[in-house]
Amino acid sequence: MQITKRSMVSGKDNTRDIAVTQAQLDAWRPGVLIQDAFPHLSLDDREFLMTGITPEEWDEHFSEED
């Protein structure tokens, strides 16, 4: 499913193709822990669902190389 979220760090709208169903999204929103609602997703996909931050943005804004 194509999911579009606004990034909490850049304010940019990002879209990712994530293997979830609408039923899973609906179950997660009322308070199911994300790791329980989506045990099959990567940490990157879970982070995106929660914050809209892509792995590329995470590396750019939170890199330890600075």
Protein backbone atom coordinates (compact mmCIF):
# COMPACT_ATOMS: atom_id res chain seq x y z
CA MET A 1 0.00 0.00 0.00
CA GLN A 2 1.30 3.46 -0.86
CA ILE A 3 1.54 5.49 2.36
CA THR A 4 2.18 9.24 2.34
CA LYS A 5 3.24 10.94 5.56
CA ARG A 6 4.68 14.35 6.39
CA SER A 7 8.17 14.07 7.84
CA MET A 8 8.52 15.38 11.38
CA VAL A 9 12.05 16.60 10.63
CA SER A 10 11.82 18.13 7.17
CA GLY A 11 8.11 18.89 6.82
CA LYS A 12 8.25 17.22 3.39
CA ASP A 13 5.57 14.77 2.25
CA ASN A 14 7.16 11.36 1.69
CA THR A 15 5.60 8.27 0.11
CA ARG A 16 6.67 4.66 0.63
CA ASP A 17 5.23 1.37 -0.50
CA ILE A 18 4.65 -0.59 2.71
CA ALA A 19 3.18 -4.09 3.00
CA VAL A 20 0.20 -3.28 5.21
CA THR A 21 -3.56 -3.49 4.88
CA GLN A 22 -6.13 -0.90 5.79
CA ALA A 23 -7.41 -3.25 8.50
CA GLN A 24 -3.93 -3.35 10.07
CA LEU A 25 -3.68 0.44 9.98
CA ASP A 26 -7.12 0.77 11.54
CA ALA A 27 -6.19 -1.68 14.33
CA TRP A 28 -2.93 0.15 15.07
CA ARG A 29 -4.35 3.66 15.39
CA PRO A 30 -6.53 3.04 18.48
CA GLY A 31 -3.56 2.04 20.58
CA VAL A 32 -2.09 -1.28 19.46
CA LEU A 33 1.69 -1.16 19.75
CA ILE A 34 3.27 -0.77 16.33
CA GLN A 35 5.46 -3.86 16.77
CA ASP A 36 2.33 -5.90 17.56
CA ALA A 37 0.27 -4.50 14.69
CA PHE A 38 3.08 -4.87 12.14
CA PRO A 39 5.51 -7.58 13.29
CA HIS A 40 6.52 -8.22 9.67
CA LEU A 41 7.72 -4.67 8.97
CA SER A 42 11.27 -3.41 9.16
CA LEU A 43 12.28 -0.82 11.72
CA ASP A 44 12.55 1.72 8.86
CA ASP A 45 8.96 1.07 7.77
CA ARG A 46 7.66 1.31 11.34
CA GLU A 47 9.53 4.58 11.87
CA PHE A 48 8.05 5.94 8.66
CA LEU A 49 4.51 5.05 9.75
CA MET A 50 5.01 6.81 13.08
CA THR A 51 6.96 9.90 12.00
CA GLY A 52 7.08 10.15 8.20
CA ILE A 53 10.88 10.09 8.37
CA THR A 54 12.57 8.08 5.61
CA PRO A 55 15.85 6.20 6.17
CA GLU A 56 17.60 8.78 3.99
CA GLU A 57 16.30 11.68 6.09
CA TRP A 58 17.24 9.84 9.28
CA ASP A 59 20.83 9.46 8.05
CA GLU A 60 20.95 13.09 6.91
CA HIS A 61 19.58 14.63 10.10
CA PHE A 62 20.77 12.23 12.78
CA SER A 63 24.14 11.08 11.49
CA GLU A 64 26.87 10.66 14.10
CA GLU A 65 29.49 11.81 11.59
CA ASP A 66 28.87 15.52 12.34
